Amino acid sequence: PICFILNKAETLDRFQMVRVFGALMWSLSKVIGNPEMPHVFISALSANSQEMSQEAVDFFAQEEARLRQEIWQVPLDNTTRKVNDLLRRGRLLRCHALLVEHLLTLRGPFGRRKVLRETIVDSVKLANACALVAEMHGIPPRDFPSATELAGQFRKLGDESVKHVPPVLIQRADEALNVDIPALLQRVTAEREQMIQEGNPGLDILRSVTAAAGVKTGETAAGAKI
């Protein structure tokens, strides 16, 4: 996982912080292919803690506590990420199968193969086909791949790569996406919560390391206690 940290925030006033944070989020939105933006942690240097208000000190303490908790839970979240990735790939596979089946139904005055060849290399026609398939099967349009990238792949592979998909495979994919994977994700989530309740070994390791280094456990970068 990737954690985003905006450091030395104590050197900015509130108006500068709003501008910097807004610019950072805008830049991240351009490079992260996810509709939900990640949390950006805000930290400060302990050397400047005397110049900050108590409200700022408490805020930085909460941010550091949340960052530590996220780092400690990385092993617990690993399985969840794998299941979510499996779900994402399964949705993409279903979209490909349904799109291929739709493309094979296209007809024209000069034969279906000619229409197929013209459609698969045209990003606009492919985008329209994806939108139609999404509406027919009740699938979110965001589950479909980029029509431009898909057309580029079809140019490399040719129309011979568009082959009939057995209905039983599509049915099994629907069952996995609607029943099996959600059940697996629910089980993983329950086990994760149980592991959190039973204790966090990462905290014990951190305490032993900081104790050996002569650092008070729980002291934040802003000099506050957690």
Protein backbone atom coordinates (compact mmCIF):
# COMPACT_ATOMS: atom_id res chain seq x y z
CA PRO A 1 0.00 0.00 0.00
CA ILE A 2 1.02 3.63 -0.54
CA CYS A 3 0.61 6.23 2.20
CA PHE A 4 0.59 9.92 1.29
CA ILE A 5 2.02 12.25 3.95
CA LEU A 6 2.05 16.04 3.80
CA ASN A 7 4.97 16.89 6.06
CA LYS A 8 6.02 20.13 7.82
CA ALA A 9 2.44 21.35 7.78
CA GLU A 10 3.14 23.59 10.78
CA THR A 11 5.01 25.99 8.47
CA LEU A 12 1.77 26.86 6.65
CA ASP A 13 -1.13 29.00 7.77
CA ARG A 14 -4.71 27.84 7.22
CA PHE A 15 -5.15 29.51 3.83
CA GLN A 16 -1.84 28.15 2.53
CA MET A 17 -2.79 24.71 3.82
CA VAL A 18 -6.08 24.78 1.90
CA ARG A 19 -4.30 25.73 -1.33
CA VAL A 20 -1.51 23.16 -0.91
CA PHE A 21 -3.89 20.37 0.09
CA GLY A 22 -6.26 21.16 -2.79
CA ALA A 23 -3.41 21.17 -5.31
CA LEU A 24 -2.11 17.87 -3.94
CA MET A 25 -5.51 16.18 -4.19
CA TRP A 26 -5.99 17.50 -7.74
CA SER A 27 -2.60 16.10 -8.77
CA LEU A 28 -3.34 12.73 -7.17
CA SER A 29 -6.67 12.52 -9.00
CA LYS A 30 -4.75 12.63 -12.29
CA VAL A 31 -2.53 9.65 -11.50
CA ILE A 32 -4.70 7.41 -9.31
CA GLY A 33 -7.19 5.28 -11.24
CA ASN A 34 -9.68 5.13 -8.41
CA PRO A 35 -12.88 7.15 -7.91
CA GLU A 36 -12.21 7.23 -4.16
CA MET A 37 -9.21 9.35 -3.21
CA PRO A 38 -6.84 8.05 -0.51
CA HIS A 39 -6.44 9.75 2.83
CA VAL A 40 -3.52 12.18 2.98
CA PHE A 41 -1.86 12.27 6.39
CA ILE A 42 -0.70 15.66 7.67
CA SER A 43 2.32 15.80 9.96
CA ALA A 44 4.49 18.36 11.71
CA LEU A 45 7.98 18.54 13.17
CA SER A 46 8.25 18.22 16.95
CA ALA A 47 10.84 21.02 17.01
CA ASN A 48 8.11 23.53 16.20
CA SER A 49 5.50 22.20 18.62
CA GLN A 50 5.95 25.13 21.01
CA GLU A 51 4.77 27.55 18.34
CA MET A 52 1.53 25.66 17.59
CA SER A 53 -1.85 25.96 19.24
CA GLN A 54 -3.21 23.11 21.33
CA GLU A 55 -5.80 22.44 18.63
CA ALA A 56 -3.03 21.95 16.04
CA VAL A 57 -1.04 19.73 18.41
CA ASP A 58 -4.10 17.53 19.02
CA PHE A 59 -4.81 17.33 15.28
CA PHE A 60 -1.27 16.23 14.42
CA ALA A 61 -1.40 13.68 17.24
CA GLN A 62 -4.58 12.18 15.79
CA GLU A 63 -3.06 12.05 12.30
CA GLU A 64 0.05 10.26 13.57
CA ALA A 65 -2.02 7.78 15.56
CA ARG A 66 -4.09 7.03 12.47
CA LEU A 67 -0.97 6.61 10.33
CA ARG A 68 0.57 4.20 12.83
CA GLN A 69 -2.63 2.21 12.99
CA GLU A 70 -2.75 1.93 9.20
CA ILE A 71 0.86 0.74 9.09
CA TRP A 72 0.21 -1.85 11.80
CA GLN A 73 -2.78 -3.18 9.89
CA VAL A 74 -0.94 -3.68 6.58
CA PRO A 75 -0.60 -7.48 7.07
CA LEU A 76 -4.28 -7.70 8.02
CA ASP A 77 -5.39 -5.73 4.97
CA ASN A 78 -3.24 -7.75 2.54
CA THR A 79 -5.81 -10.54 2.12
CA THR A 80 -8.62 -8.02 1.72
CA ARG A 81 -6.73 -6.28 -1.08
CA LYS A 82 -6.17 -9.61 -2.83
CA VAL A 83 -9.88 -10.45 -2.69
CA ASN A 84 -10.79 -6.98 -3.97
CA ASP A 85 -8.31 -7.40 -6.82
CA LEU A 86 -9.87 -10.78 -7.62
CA LEU A 87 -13.27 -9.11 -7.70
CA ARG A 88 -11.99 -6.36 -10.00
CA ARG A 89 -10.44 -8.87 -12.40
CA GLY A 90 -13.61 -10.98 -12.35
CA ARG A 91 -15.74 -7.98 -13.28
CA LEU A 92 -13.37 -7.11 -16.10
CA LEU A 93 -13.47 -10.69 -17.38
CA ARG A 94 -17.27 -10.70 -17.36
CA CYS A 95 -17.34 -7.41 -19.27
CA HIS A 96 -15.00 -8.81 -21.91
CA ALA A 97 -17.11 -11.95 -22.32
CA LEU A 98 -20.39 -10.04 -22.63
CA LEU A 99 -18.86 -7.52 -25.01
CA VAL A 100 -17.49 -10.29 -27.25
CA GLU A 101 -20.90 -11.98 -27.33
CA HIS A 102 -22.50 -8.68 -28.32
CA LEU A 103 -19.93 -8.02 -31.06
CA LEU A 104 -20.64 -11.43 -32.59
CA THR A 105 -24.32 -10.49 -32.98
CA LEU A 106 -23.59 -7.45 -35.17
CA ARG A 107 -24.82 -7.74 -38.73
CA GLY A 108 -24.39 -5.66 -41.87
CA PRO A 109 -25.11 -5.71 -45.61
CA PHE A 110 -21.60 -7.00 -46.36
CA GLY A 111 -21.52 -9.68 -43.68
CA ARG A 112 -20.97 -9.74 -39.93
CA ARG A 113 -17.17 -10.11 -40.16
CA LYS A 114 -16.80 -6.81 -42.00
CA VAL A 115 -18.93 -5.04 -39.39
CA LEU A 116 -16.94 -6.74 -36.65
CA ARG A 117 -13.59 -5.65 -38.11
CA GLU A 118 -14.79 -2.06 -38.43
CA THR A 119 -16.20 -1.96 -34.90
CA ILE A 120 -13.33 -3.44 -32.92
CA VAL A 121 -10.77 -0.94 -34.24
CA ASP A 122 -13.03 2.11 -33.78
CA SER A 123 -12.86 3.43 -30.21
CA VAL A 124 -16.13 5.38 -30.63
CA LYS A 125 -18.06 2.35 -31.83
CA LEU A 126 -16.50 0.22 -29.11
CA ALA A 127 -17.47 2.79 -26.47
CA ASN A 128 -21.05 2.72 -27.74
CA ALA A 129 -21.02 -1.09 -27.67
CA CYS A 130 -19.74 -1.10 -24.08
CA ALA A 131 -22.42 1.36 -23.03
CA LEU A 132 -25.10 -0.78 -24.67
CA VAL A 133 -23.87 -3.98 -23.01
CA ALA A 134 -23.68 -2.21 -19.66
CA GLU A 135 -27.28 -1.06 -19.99
CA MET A 136 -28.53 -4.47 -21.17
CA HIS A 137 -26.95 -6.36 -18.26
CA GLY A 138 -27.13 -3.73 -15.53
CA ILE A 139 -23.33 -3.40 -15.22
CA PRO A 140 -21.67 -0.15 -14.11
CA PRO A 141 -19.94 1.43 -17.15
CA ARG A 142 -16.76 1.92 -15.07
CA ASP A 143 -16.29 -1.87 -15.01
CA PHE A 144 -15.50 -1.82 -18.72
CA PRO A 145 -11.96 -1.16 -19.97
CA SER A 146 -11.02 1.98 -21.86
CA ALA A 147 -12.43 1.82 -25.40
CA THR A 148 -9.26 3.43 -26.78
CA GLU A 149 -6.97 0.83 -25.16
CA LEU A 150 -9.33 -1.97 -26.14
CA ALA A 151 -9.33 -0.86 -29.77
CA GLY A 152 -5.53 -0.80 -29.71
CA GLN A 153 -5.44 -4.39 -28.45
CA PHE A 154 -7.92 -5.51 -31.11
CA ARG A 155 -5.74 -3.94 -33.82
CA LYS A 156 -2.88 -6.16 -32.65
CA LEU A 157 -4.93 -9.35 -32.24
CA GLY A 158 -7.34 -8.99 -35.18
CA ASP A 159 -10.93 -10.12 -35.45
CA GLU A 160 -9.98 -13.80 -35.10
CA SER A 161 -9.55 -13.17 -31.35
CA VAL A 162 -13.28 -12.46 -31.04
CA LYS A 163 -14.69 -15.92 -30.33
CA HIS A 164 -17.90 -17.24 -28.84
CA VAL A 165 -17.94 -17.64 -25.05
CA PRO A 166 -19.95 -20.63 -23.74
CA PRO A 167 -22.98 -19.40 -21.73
CA VAL A 168 -22.08 -21.74 -18.87
CA LEU A 169 -18.82 -19.84 -18.33
CA ILE A 170 -20.63 -16.51 -18.14
CA GLN A 171 -23.13 -18.05 -15.72
CA ARG A 172 -20.31 -19.33 -13.50
CA ALA A 173 -18.66 -15.92 -13.58
CA ASP A 174 -21.91 -14.27 -12.46
CA GLU A 175 -22.24 -16.76 -9.60
CA ALA A 176 -18.67 -16.10 -8.49
CA LEU A 177 -19.10 -12.32 -8.62
CA ASN A 178 -22.51 -12.24 -6.96
CA VAL A 179 -22.19 -15.07 -4.41
CA ASP A 180 -18.77 -16.66 -3.96
CA ILE A 181 -16.47 -13.63 -3.85
CA PRO A 182 -18.79 -11.50 -1.62
CA ALA A 183 -19.01 -14.43 0.80
CA LEU A 184 -15.22 -14.75 0.77
CA LEU A 185 -14.79 -11.02 1.36
CA GLN A 186 -17.24 -11.13 4.26
CA ARG A 187 -15.29 -14.01 5.81
CA VAL A 188 -11.97 -12.21 5.38
CA THR A 189 -13.41 -9.04 6.92
CA ALA A 190 -14.71 -10.98 9.93
CA GLU A 191 -11.34 -12.67 10.46
CA ARG A 192 -9.58 -9.31 10.16
CA GLU A 193 -11.79 -7.75 12.84
CA GLN A 194 -11.19 -10.74 15.08
CA MET A 195 -7.41 -10.40 14.70
CA ILE A 196 -7.62 -6.70 15.56
CA GLN A 197 -9.63 -7.44 18.70
CA GLU A 198 -7.19 -10.15 19.79
CA GLY A 199 -4.31 -7.70 19.74
CA ASN A 200 -1.87 -5.95 17.46
CA PRO A 201 1.63 -7.47 17.48
CA GLY A 202 2.94 -4.48 15.57
CA LEU A 203 2.36 -2.26 18.58
CA ASP A 204 4.39 -4.53 20.86
CA ILE A 205 7.26 -4.55 18.35
CA LEU A 206 7.19 -0.77 18.07
CA ARG A 207 7.21 -0.37 21.83
CA SER A 208 10.22 -2.65 22.23
CA VAL A 209 12.14 -0.82 19.50
CA THR A 210 11.38 2.64 20.86
CA ALA A 211 12.19 1.53 24.39
CA ALA A 212 15.55 0.22 23.26
CA ALA A 213 16.21 3.52 21.51
CA GLY A 214 15.24 5.50 24.60
CA VAL A 215 12.16 7.06 22.99
CA LYS A 216 8.93 7.45 24.88
CA THR A 217 6.26 5.28 23.23
CA GLY A 218 3.25 7.24 22.10
CA GLU A 219 5.01 10.57 21.61
CA THR A 220 3.90 12.15 18.36
CA ALA A 221 5.85 14.28 15.93
CA ALA A 222 4.08 17.30 17.40
CA GLY A 223 5.15 16.40 20.94
CA ALA A 224 1.72 15.22 22.09
CA LYS A 225 0.87 11.93 23.77
CA ILE A 226 -1.40 9.26 22.24
